[in-house]
Amino acid sequence: MTVIVTEALRAQEPIIQNLVQLYTHDFSELWSGTARGDLLPDGRFDAYPMKEYWTRPDWSAALIWHEDVLAGFALIDDRARGGEPVGHNVGEFFVLRKHRRQGVGRRAAVSIFARYPGSWQVAVARQNLQACEFWRRTILGAAEVTNVREVDVANSDWNGPVFQFGWGVNESLAPSGTRSR
């Protein structure tokens, strides 16, 4: 199976915005009973704010390809959700349902982590139980991971588990007070 992650160019933002429509649709069931995830009058969800992914040095967007077919996207930033500074954070990650449960998401995530060695964070919405299990399996199952911590965050900025870990770095370089997996 071939899974390739390519850096998205600013000219490809419309592709990501199209994928965001599917991603938001998947999430909308988690927002039942709230105004979040409601459709606009034109039948679409809100566009995702992408400007910083093209202008900030440590932010990027990627497209995920499975067997030469577009299968998803990822947004990488440096926003810390768990309180500690972080080198990289998975801001958003989406694999089309057709391509799930085949290893596409895991291979894409590993490719992204390998591209940017150092400290990482993945924050998962509390209600998204499937994503939480996906990230737990993906992170804990990788040999390149060091100092994995799962922190429960419940504040005005985030509500859910936050995975913090090092990727491809010497364990002695990790922050003190963390424990290895």
N, C-alpha and C. Protein backbone atom coordinates (compact mmCIF):
# COMPACT_ATOMS: atom_id res chain seq x y z
N MET A 1 0.85 -1.18 0.00
CA MET A 1 0.00 0.00 0.00
C MET A 1 0.89 1.23 0.00
N THR A 2 0.55 2.18 -0.84
CA THR A 2 1.31 3.42 -0.93
C THR A 2 0.53 4.55 -0.29
N VAL A 3 1.14 5.19 0.71
CA VAL A 3 0.58 6.39 1.34
C VAL A 3 1.65 7.47 1.24
N ILE A 4 1.31 8.57 0.64
CA ILE A 4 2.24 9.67 0.46
C ILE A 4 1.63 10.93 1.05
N VAL A 5 2.45 11.69 1.76
CA VAL A 5 2.04 12.98 2.32
C VAL A 5 2.83 14.05 1.59
N THR A 6 2.13 14.99 0.97
CA THR A 6 2.80 16.08 0.27
C THR A 6 2.47 17.40 0.93
N GLU A 7 3.44 18.30 0.95
CA GLU A 7 3.18 19.62 1.49
C GLU A 7 2.20 20.33 0.56
N ALA A 8 1.18 20.93 1.12
CA ALA A 8 0.20 21.65 0.31
C ALA A 8 0.72 23.06 0.02
N LEU A 9 0.48 23.51 -1.18
CA LEU A 9 0.82 24.87 -1.57
C LEU A 9 -0.38 25.76 -1.33
N ARG A 10 -0.12 27.04 -1.20
CA ARG A 10 -1.22 27.98 -0.96
C ARG A 10 -2.28 27.88 -2.06
N ALA A 11 -1.85 27.64 -3.29
CA ALA A 11 -2.79 27.50 -4.40
C ALA A 11 -3.71 26.29 -4.23
N GLN A 12 -3.33 25.37 -3.35
CA GLN A 12 -4.16 24.18 -3.10
C GLN A 12 -5.12 24.36 -1.92
N GLU A 13 -5.19 25.56 -1.37
CA GLU A 13 -6.11 25.80 -0.27
C GLU A 13 -7.55 25.42 -0.61
N PRO A 14 -8.04 25.70 -1.84
CA PRO A 14 -9.42 25.27 -2.14
C PRO A 14 -9.62 23.75 -1.98
N ILE A 15 -8.60 22.96 -2.25
CA ILE A 15 -8.70 21.51 -2.07
C ILE A 15 -8.90 21.20 -0.59
N ILE A 16 -8.09 21.84 0.25
CA ILE A 16 -8.23 21.61 1.70
C ILE A 16 -9.59 22.09 2.19
N GLN A 17 -10.05 23.24 1.69
CA GLN A 17 -11.37 23.74 2.11
C GLN A 17 -12.47 22.77 1.70
N ASN A 18 -12.33 22.12 0.55
CA ASN A 18 -13.31 21.10 0.15
C ASN A 18 -13.28 19.92 1.12
N LEU A 19 -12.07 19.49 1.48
CA LEU A 19 -11.94 18.39 2.44
C LEU A 19 -12.46 18.79 3.82
N VAL A 20 -12.31 20.05 4.18
CA VAL A 20 -12.82 20.55 5.47
C VAL A 20 -14.33 20.36 5.54
N GLN A 21 -15.02 20.46 4.41
CA GLN A 21 -16.47 20.24 4.41
C GLN A 21 -16.80 18.82 4.87
N LEU A 22 -16.03 17.84 4.41
CA LEU A 22 -16.24 16.45 4.80
C LEU A 22 -15.84 16.23 6.26
N TYR A 23 -14.73 16.83 6.64
CA TYR A 23 -14.22 16.74 8.02
C TYR A 23 -15.24 17.32 8.99
N THR A 24 -15.77 18.48 8.68
CA THR A 24 -16.76 19.13 9.54
C THR A 24 -18.03 18.29 9.60
N HIS A 25 -18.42 17.72 8.47
CA HIS A 25 -19.59 16.83 8.47
C HIS A 25 -19.38 15.68 9.45
N ASP A 26 -18.20 15.05 9.42
CA ASP A 26 -17.91 13.96 10.36
C ASP A 26 -18.04 14.44 11.81
N PHE A 27 -17.52 15.64 12.08
CA PHE A 27 -17.54 16.18 13.44
C PHE A 27 -18.93 16.64 13.88
N SER A 28 -19.79 16.97 12.94
CA SER A 28 -21.08 17.58 13.29
C SER A 28 -21.91 16.71 14.23
N GLU A 29 -21.77 15.40 14.16
CA GLU A 29 -22.52 14.54 15.07
C GLU A 29 -22.06 14.72 16.52
N LEU A 30 -20.81 15.14 16.72
CA LEU A 30 -20.30 15.37 18.07
C LEU A 30 -20.81 16.69 18.65
N TRP A 31 -21.32 17.56 17.80
CA TRP A 31 -21.79 18.88 18.23
C TRP A 31 -23.30 18.96 18.33
N SER A 32 -23.97 17.82 18.38
CA SER A 32 -25.43 17.78 18.49
C SER A 32 -25.89 18.62 19.68
N GLY A 33 -26.95 19.39 19.47
CA GLY A 33 -27.49 20.23 20.55
C GLY A 33 -26.82 21.58 20.67
N THR A 34 -25.86 21.89 19.77
CA THR A 34 -25.19 23.20 19.79
C THR A 34 -25.31 23.83 18.40
N ALA A 35 -25.01 25.10 18.30
CA ALA A 35 -25.03 25.79 17.01
C ALA A 35 -23.78 25.46 16.19
N ARG A 36 -22.76 24.93 16.85
CA ARG A 36 -21.53 24.60 16.14
C ARG A 36 -21.81 23.50 15.12
N GLY A 37 -21.29 23.68 13.92
CA GLY A 37 -21.48 22.68 12.88
C GLY A 37 -22.76 22.82 12.10
N ASP A 38 -23.49 23.93 12.31
CA ASP A 38 -24.69 24.17 11.50
C ASP A 38 -24.27 24.60 10.10
N LEU A 39 -25.10 24.25 9.13
CA LEU A 39 -24.84 24.66 7.76
C LEU A 39 -25.17 26.14 7.56
N LEU A 40 -24.43 26.76 6.67
CA LEU A 40 -24.73 28.13 6.26
C LEU A 40 -25.89 28.08 5.27
N PRO A 41 -26.51 29.22 4.95
CA PRO A 41 -27.64 29.21 4.01
C PRO A 41 -27.32 28.61 2.64
N ASP A 42 -26.02 28.62 2.25
CA ASP A 42 -25.66 28.05 0.94
C ASP A 42 -25.45 26.53 1.01
N GLY A 43 -25.72 25.92 2.19
CA GLY A 43 -25.60 24.48 2.32
C GLY A 43 -24.20 23.99 2.61
N ARG A 44 -23.29 24.91 2.91
CA ARG A 44 -21.91 24.53 3.24
C ARG A 44 -21.62 24.88 4.70
N PHE A 45 -20.59 24.26 5.23
CA PHE A 45 -20.09 24.63 6.56
C PHE A 45 -19.15 25.82 6.41
N ASP A 46 -18.84 26.47 7.53
CA ASP A 46 -17.86 27.56 7.51
C ASP A 46 -16.54 27.07 6.93
N ALA A 47 -15.84 28.00 6.26
CA ALA A 47 -14.49 27.71 5.77
C ALA A 47 -13.56 27.67 6.98
N TYR A 48 -12.47 26.96 6.84
CA TYR A 48 -11.48 26.87 7.91
C TYR A 48 -10.50 28.03 7.77
N PRO A 49 -10.15 28.70 8.87
CA PRO A 49 -9.20 29.82 8.77
C PRO A 49 -7.79 29.29 8.47
N MET A 50 -7.31 29.53 7.26
CA MET A 50 -6.05 28.94 6.80
C MET A 50 -4.88 29.93 6.70
N LYS A 51 -5.13 31.22 6.82
CA LYS A 51 -4.08 32.21 6.54
C LYS A 51 -2.76 31.91 7.26
N GLU A 52 -2.83 31.56 8.54
CA GLU A 52 -1.59 31.34 9.30
C GLU A 52 -0.81 30.12 8.80
N TYR A 53 -1.47 29.18 8.17
CA TYR A 53 -0.76 28.01 7.66
C TYR A 53 0.13 28.37 6.47
N TRP A 54 -0.13 29.50 5.85
CA TRP A 54 0.70 29.95 4.73
C TRP A 54 1.70 31.02 5.15
N THR A 55 1.48 31.65 6.31
CA THR A 55 2.32 32.80 6.68
C THR A 55 3.24 32.55 7.88
N ARG A 56 2.93 31.62 8.74
CA ARG A 56 3.76 31.39 9.93
C ARG A 56 4.82 30.34 9.62
N PRO A 57 6.04 30.56 10.11
CA PRO A 57 7.15 29.67 9.73
C PRO A 57 7.00 28.22 10.20
N ASP A 58 6.40 27.95 11.34
CA ASP A 58 6.30 26.59 11.85
C ASP A 58 4.93 25.95 11.60
N TRP A 59 4.17 26.55 10.70
CA TRP A 59 2.84 26.02 10.38
C TRP A 59 2.87 25.52 8.94
N SER A 60 2.14 24.43 8.70
CA SER A 60 2.08 23.91 7.34
C SER A 60 0.80 23.10 7.14
N ALA A 61 0.50 22.88 5.89
CA ALA A 61 -0.65 22.07 5.51
C ALA A 61 -0.13 20.95 4.61
N ALA A 62 -0.78 19.80 4.70
CA ALA A 62 -0.35 18.65 3.91
C ALA A 62 -1.56 17.94 3.33
N LEU A 63 -1.34 17.31 2.20
CA LEU A 63 -2.36 16.46 1.57
C LEU A 63 -1.92 15.01 1.73
N ILE A 64 -2.88 14.16 2.00
CA ILE A 64 -2.61 12.73 2.19
C ILE A 64 -3.15 11.99 0.96
N TRP A 65 -2.29 11.18 0.36
CA TRP A 65 -2.62 10.42 -0.84
C TRP A 65 -2.53 8.93 -0.55
N HIS A 66 -3.51 8.17 -1.02
CA HIS A 66 -3.50 6.71 -0.89
C HIS A 66 -3.63 6.13 -2.28
N GLU A 67 -2.61 5.38 -2.70
CA GLU A 67 -2.61 4.79 -4.05
C GLU A 67 -2.91 5.87 -5.11
N ASP A 68 -2.25 7.00 -5.00
CA ASP A 68 -2.37 8.12 -5.96
C ASP A 68 -3.74 8.79 -5.98
N VAL A 69 -4.56 8.55 -4.96
CA VAL A 69 -5.87 9.17 -4.85
C VAL A 69 -5.87 10.04 -3.58
N LEU A 70 -6.39 11.25 -3.69
CA LEU A 70 -6.48 12.14 -2.54
C LEU A 70 -7.33 11.47 -1.46
N ALA A 71 -6.77 11.38 -0.24
CA ALA A 71 -7.45 10.66 0.83
C ALA A 71 -7.64 11.48 2.09
N GLY A 72 -7.03 12.69 2.18
CA GLY A 72 -7.19 13.48 3.39
C GLY A 72 -6.23 14.65 3.45
N PHE A 73 -6.17 15.25 4.64
CA PHE A 73 -5.28 16.39 4.85
C PHE A 73 -4.85 16.44 6.30
N ALA A 74 -3.81 17.22 6.55
CA ALA A 74 -3.33 17.46 7.91
C ALA A 74 -2.89 18.91 8.00
N LEU A 75 -3.11 19.52 9.15
CA LEU A 75 -2.64 20.88 9.43
C LEU A 75 -1.73 20.80 10.65
N ILE A 76 -0.53 21.32 10.50
CA ILE A 76 0.49 21.27 11.54
C ILE A 76 0.77 22.70 12.00
N ASP A 77 0.77 22.90 13.32
CA ASP A 77 1.07 24.23 13.87
C ASP A 77 1.92 24.06 15.11
N ASP A 78 2.09 25.13 15.87
CA ASP A 78 2.88 25.04 17.10
C ASP A 78 2.07 25.48 18.31
N ARG A 79 0.74 25.36 18.22
CA ARG A 79 -0.14 25.71 19.34
C ARG A 79 -0.07 24.63 20.42
N ALA A 80 0.20 25.05 21.62
CA ALA A 80 0.25 24.11 22.74
C ALA A 80 -1.11 24.03 23.40
N ARG A 81 -1.66 22.84 23.52
CA ARG A 81 -2.95 22.64 24.19
C ARG A 81 -2.78 22.13 25.61
N GLY A 82 -1.63 21.55 25.90
CA GLY A 82 -1.42 20.93 27.20
C GLY A 82 -0.67 21.79 28.20
N GLY A 83 -0.43 23.04 27.90
CA GLY A 83 0.22 23.94 28.84
C GLY A 83 1.72 24.05 28.66
N GLU A 84 2.38 23.00 28.17
CA GLU A 84 3.82 23.03 27.96
C GLU A 84 4.11 23.46 26.52
N PRO A 85 5.23 24.18 26.32
CA PRO A 85 5.59 24.54 24.94
C PRO A 85 5.79 23.27 24.10
N VAL A 86 5.54 23.39 22.83
CA VAL A 86 5.65 22.24 21.94
C VAL A 86 6.26 22.70 20.62
N GLY A 87 7.04 21.83 20.01
CA GLY A 87 7.62 22.15 18.71
C GLY A 87 6.59 22.08 17.60
N HIS A 88 5.77 21.02 17.65
CA HIS A 88 4.77 20.80 16.59
C HIS A 88 3.50 20.24 17.20
N ASN A 89 2.38 20.60 16.62
CA ASN A 89 1.07 20.15 17.06
C ASN A 89 0.26 19.75 15.82
N VAL A 90 -0.46 18.65 15.93
CA VAL A 90 -1.38 18.28 14.86
C VAL A 90 -2.64 19.10 15.09
N GLY A 91 -2.80 20.17 14.31
CA GLY A 91 -3.95 21.06 14.45
C GLY A 91 -5.23 20.39 13.97
N GLU A 92 -5.15 19.72 12.83
CA GLU A 92 -6.29 18.99 12.27
C GLU A 92 -5.73 17.81 11.48
N PHE A 93 -6.48 16.73 11.45
CA PHE A 93 -6.04 15.53 10.72
C PHE A 93 -7.30 14.83 10.25
N PHE A 94 -7.36 14.57 8.95
CA PHE A 94 -8.57 13.97 8.39
C PHE A 94 -8.20 12.96 7.31
N VAL A 95 -8.80 11.77 7.41
CA VAL A 95 -8.71 10.76 6.37
C VAL A 95 -10.15 10.40 6.00
N LEU A 96 -10.43 10.45 4.73
CA LEU A 96 -11.75 10.12 4.21
C LEU A 96 -12.16 8.72 4.66
N ARG A 97 -13.41 8.55 5.04
CA ARG A 97 -13.90 7.27 5.59
C ARG A 97 -13.53 6.07 4.73
N LYS A 98 -13.59 6.23 3.43
CA LYS A 98 -13.27 5.14 2.50
C LYS A 98 -11.86 4.59 2.73
N HIS A 99 -10.96 5.42 3.22
CA HIS A 99 -9.55 5.05 3.37
C HIS A 99 -9.18 4.71 4.81
N ARG A 100 -10.14 4.73 5.72
CA ARG A 100 -9.85 4.43 7.12
C ARG A 100 -9.76 2.93 7.35
N ARG A 101 -9.15 2.56 8.47
CA ARG A 101 -9.00 1.18 8.91
C ARG A 101 -8.18 0.32 7.94
N GLN A 102 -7.30 1.00 7.19
CA GLN A 102 -6.41 0.31 6.26
C GLN A 102 -4.95 0.68 6.53
N GLY A 103 -4.72 1.48 7.57
CA GLY A 103 -3.36 1.91 7.87
C GLY A 103 -2.97 3.22 7.22
N VAL A 104 -3.88 3.83 6.47
CA VAL A 104 -3.58 5.08 5.78
C VAL A 104 -3.29 6.20 6.78
N GLY A 105 -4.15 6.37 7.76
CA GLY A 105 -3.96 7.43 8.75
C GLY A 105 -2.68 7.23 9.53
N ARG A 106 -2.41 6.01 9.97
CA ARG A 106 -1.19 5.74 10.73
C ARG A 106 0.05 6.04 9.90
N ARG A 107 0.07 5.57 8.67
CA ARG A 107 1.24 5.83 7.80
C ARG A 107 1.40 7.32 7.52
N ALA A 108 0.30 8.01 7.32
CA ALA A 108 0.38 9.46 7.09
C ALA A 108 0.91 10.17 8.33
N ALA A 109 0.41 9.80 9.51
CA ALA A 109 0.85 10.45 10.75
C ALA A 109 2.34 10.21 10.97
N VAL A 110 2.79 8.97 10.79
CA VAL A 110 4.21 8.65 10.97
C VAL A 110 5.07 9.45 9.98
N SER A 111 4.60 9.58 8.77
CA SER A 111 5.33 10.37 7.76
C SER A 111 5.46 11.83 8.19
N ILE A 112 4.39 12.37 8.72
CA ILE A 112 4.40 13.77 9.17
C ILE A 112 5.32 13.93 10.37
N PHE A 113 5.23 13.04 11.35
CA PHE A 113 6.10 13.13 12.54
C PHE A 113 7.57 13.03 12.12
N ALA A 114 7.88 12.11 11.21
CA ALA A 114 9.26 11.91 10.78
C ALA A 114 9.82 13.13 10.05
N ARG A 115 8.94 13.86 9.41
CA ARG A 115 9.35 15.06 8.67
C ARG A 115 9.82 16.16 9.61
N TYR A 116 9.28 16.18 10.83
CA TYR A 116 9.60 17.22 11.81
C TYR A 116 9.98 16.58 13.15
N PRO A 117 11.19 16.04 13.28
CA PRO A 117 11.58 15.45 14.56
C PRO A 117 11.55 16.49 15.68
N GLY A 118 11.30 16.03 16.89
CA GLY A 118 11.27 16.93 18.04
C GLY A 118 10.05 16.68 18.90
N SER A 119 9.65 17.71 19.63
CA SER A 119 8.50 17.57 20.53
C SER A 119 7.20 17.76 19.76
N TRP A 120 6.25 16.89 20.07
CA TRP A 120 4.96 16.87 19.39
C TRP A 120 3.82 16.86 20.40
N GLN A 121 2.68 17.28 19.90
CA GLN A 121 1.45 17.22 20.67
C GLN A 121 0.29 16.92 19.73
N VAL A 122 -0.61 16.08 20.19
CA VAL A 122 -1.86 15.79 19.47
C VAL A 122 -2.98 15.93 20.48
N ALA A 123 -3.86 16.90 20.26
CA ALA A 123 -5.01 17.11 21.14
C ALA A 123 -6.25 16.51 20.46
N VAL A 124 -7.03 15.78 21.23
CA VAL A 124 -8.20 15.09 20.69
C VAL A 124 -9.44 15.56 21.44
N ALA A 125 -10.47 15.93 20.70
CA ALA A 125 -11.73 16.34 21.33
C ALA A 125 -12.26 15.19 22.19
N ARG A 126 -12.68 15.51 23.38
CA ARG A 126 -13.12 14.50 24.34
C ARG A 126 -14.16 13.54 23.76
N GLN A 127 -15.10 14.06 22.99
CA GLN A 127 -16.17 13.20 22.45
C GLN A 127 -15.70 12.30 21.32
N ASN A 128 -14.53 12.58 20.75
CA ASN A 128 -14.06 11.83 19.59
C ASN A 128 -13.29 10.58 20.03
N LEU A 129 -14.01 9.59 20.52
CA LEU A 129 -13.41 8.39 21.09
C LEU A 129 -12.62 7.57 20.07
N GLN A 130 -13.11 7.51 18.84
CA GLN A 130 -12.39 6.76 17.80
C GLN A 130 -11.05 7.41 17.50
N ALA A 131 -11.03 8.74 17.43
CA ALA A 131 -9.77 9.44 17.16
C ALA A 131 -8.80 9.24 18.31
N CYS A 132 -9.30 9.25 19.52
CA CYS A 132 -8.44 9.06 20.69
C CYS A 132 -7.76 7.69 20.61
N GLU A 133 -8.51 6.66 20.28
CA GLU A 133 -7.92 5.32 20.16
C GLU A 133 -6.94 5.24 18.99
N PHE A 134 -7.28 5.90 17.87
CA PHE A 134 -6.37 5.93 16.73
C PHE A 134 -5.03 6.55 17.12
N TRP A 135 -5.08 7.71 17.77
CA TRP A 135 -3.83 8.39 18.14
C TRP A 135 -3.07 7.60 19.20
N ARG A 136 -3.76 7.02 20.14
CA ARG A 136 -3.08 6.23 21.18
C ARG A 136 -2.33 5.06 20.52
N ARG A 137 -2.99 4.32 19.64
CA ARG A 137 -2.35 3.19 18.95
C ARG A 137 -1.19 3.67 18.06
N THR A 138 -1.41 4.74 17.33
CA THR A 138 -0.39 5.23 16.41
C THR A 138 0.85 5.70 17.15
N ILE A 139 0.66 6.49 18.19
CA ILE A 139 1.80 7.04 18.94
C ILE A 139 2.52 5.96 19.73
N LEU A 140 1.78 5.17 20.50
CA LEU A 140 2.41 4.15 21.34
C LEU A 140 3.02 3.02 20.52
N GLY A 141 2.54 2.82 19.30
CA GLY A 141 3.04 1.74 18.46
C GLY A 141 4.26 2.09 17.64
N ALA A 142 4.76 3.30 17.76
CA ALA A 142 5.89 3.74 16.93
C ALA A 142 7.21 3.65 17.71
N ALA A 143 8.20 3.02 17.10
CA ALA A 143 9.51 2.86 17.75
C ALA A 143 10.22 4.20 17.93
N GLU A 144 9.92 5.18 17.12
CA GLU A 144 10.62 6.47 17.16
C GLU A 144 10.13 7.40 18.28
N VAL A 145 9.11 6.97 19.01
CA VAL A 145 8.49 7.81 20.04
C VAL A 145 9.24 7.69 21.35
N THR A 146 9.40 8.82 22.04
CA THR A 146 9.96 8.84 23.39
C THR A 146 9.07 9.69 24.28
N ASN A 147 9.14 9.44 25.57
CA ASN A 147 8.51 10.29 26.58
C ASN A 147 7.03 10.58 26.33
N VAL A 148 6.25 9.56 26.08
CA VAL A 148 4.83 9.74 25.82
C VAL A 148 4.11 10.06 27.12
N ARG A 149 3.31 11.09 27.06
CA ARG A 149 2.41 11.42 28.17
C ARG A 149 1.04 11.71 27.59
N GLU A 150 0.02 11.25 28.29
CA GLU A 150 -1.36 11.58 27.93
C GLU A 150 -1.90 12.41 29.08
N VAL A 151 -2.24 13.65 28.78
CA VAL A 151 -2.69 14.59 29.80
C VAL A 151 -4.15 14.92 29.52
N ASP A 152 -4.98 14.89 30.56
CA ASP A 152 -6.38 15.28 30.40
C ASP A 152 -6.48 16.78 30.63
N VAL A 153 -6.94 17.50 29.61
CA VAL A 153 -7.06 18.96 29.69
C VAL A 153 -8.54 19.32 29.64
N ALA A 154 -8.97 20.18 30.54
CA ALA A 154 -10.35 20.67 30.55
C ALA A 154 -10.29 22.13 30.98
N ASN A 155 -10.17 23.01 29.99
CA ASN A 155 -10.14 24.45 30.26
C ASN A 155 -10.83 25.18 29.12
N SER A 156 -10.75 26.49 29.11
CA SER A 156 -11.44 27.27 28.09
C SER A 156 -10.82 27.10 26.70
N ASP A 157 -9.57 26.62 26.64
CA ASP A 157 -8.88 26.45 25.37
C ASP A 157 -9.06 25.06 24.78
N TRP A 158 -9.18 24.04 25.66
CA TRP A 158 -9.28 22.68 25.14
C TRP A 158 -10.02 21.79 26.12
N ASN A 159 -10.72 20.77 25.59
CA ASN A 159 -11.42 19.81 26.43
C ASN A 159 -11.19 18.41 25.85
N GLY A 160 -10.23 17.71 26.44
CA GLY A 160 -9.96 16.36 25.99
C GLY A 160 -8.54 15.94 26.25
N PRO A 161 -8.21 14.72 25.87
CA PRO A 161 -6.85 14.23 26.08
C PRO A 161 -5.86 14.91 25.14
N VAL A 162 -4.65 15.12 25.65
CA VAL A 162 -3.56 15.69 24.86
C VAL A 162 -2.38 14.73 24.97
N PHE A 163 -1.94 14.23 23.83
CA PHE A 163 -0.78 13.35 23.79
C PHE A 163 0.45 14.22 23.55
N GLN A 164 1.44 14.09 24.42
CA GLN A 164 2.70 14.82 24.28
C GLN A 164 3.80 13.78 24.16
N PHE A 165 4.73 13.99 23.23
CA PHE A 165 5.77 12.99 23.01
C PHE A 165 6.91 13.60 22.19
N GLY A 166 8.03 12.89 22.21
CA GLY A 166 9.13 13.24 21.34
C GLY A 166 9.14 12.27 20.17
N TRP A 167 9.60 12.74 19.02
CA TRP A 167 9.70 11.88 17.85
C TRP A 167 11.12 11.95 17.30
N GLY A 168 11.77 10.80 17.25
CA GLY A 168 13.08 10.72 16.65
C GLY A 168 14.14 11.55 17.36
N VAL A 169 13.97 11.77 18.66
CA VAL A 169 14.96 12.55 19.42
C VAL A 169 15.50 11.69 20.55
N ASN A 170 16.72 12.00 20.93
CA ASN A 170 17.35 11.31 22.05
C ASN A 170 16.56 11.59 23.31
N GLU A 171 16.26 10.54 24.06
CA GLU A 171 15.45 10.68 25.27
C GLU A 171 16.05 11.68 26.26
N SER A 172 17.38 11.80 26.29
CA SER A 172 18.00 12.73 27.23
C SER A 172 17.72 14.18 26.88
N LEU A 173 17.26 14.43 25.65
CA LEU A 173 16.94 15.80 25.23
C LEU A 173 15.51 16.19 25.58
N ALA A 174 14.72 15.24 26.02
CA ALA A 174 13.31 15.52 26.33
C ALA A 174 13.20 16.33 27.62
N PRO A 175 12.10 17.05 27.80
CA PRO A 175 11.92 17.85 29.02
C PRO A 175 11.99 16.99 30.27
N SER A 176 12.54 17.54 31.33
CA SER A 176 12.61 16.77 32.57
C SER A 176 11.22 16.60 33.15
N GLY A 177 11.06 15.56 33.96
CA GLY A 177 9.77 15.32 34.60
C GLY A 177 8.82 14.50 33.74
N THR A 178 9.21 14.16 32.50
CA THR A 178 8.34 13.33 31.67
C THR A 178 8.79 11.89 31.82
N ARG A 179 7.90 10.98 31.56
CA ARG A 179 8.27 9.57 31.67
C ARG A 179 8.27 8.93 30.29
N SER A 180 9.12 7.98 30.12
CA SER A 180 9.17 7.28 28.83
C SER A 180 8.05 6.28 28.75
N ARG A 181 7.78 5.89 27.53
CA ARG A 181 6.75 4.86 27.34
C ARG A 181 7.24 3.54 27.73
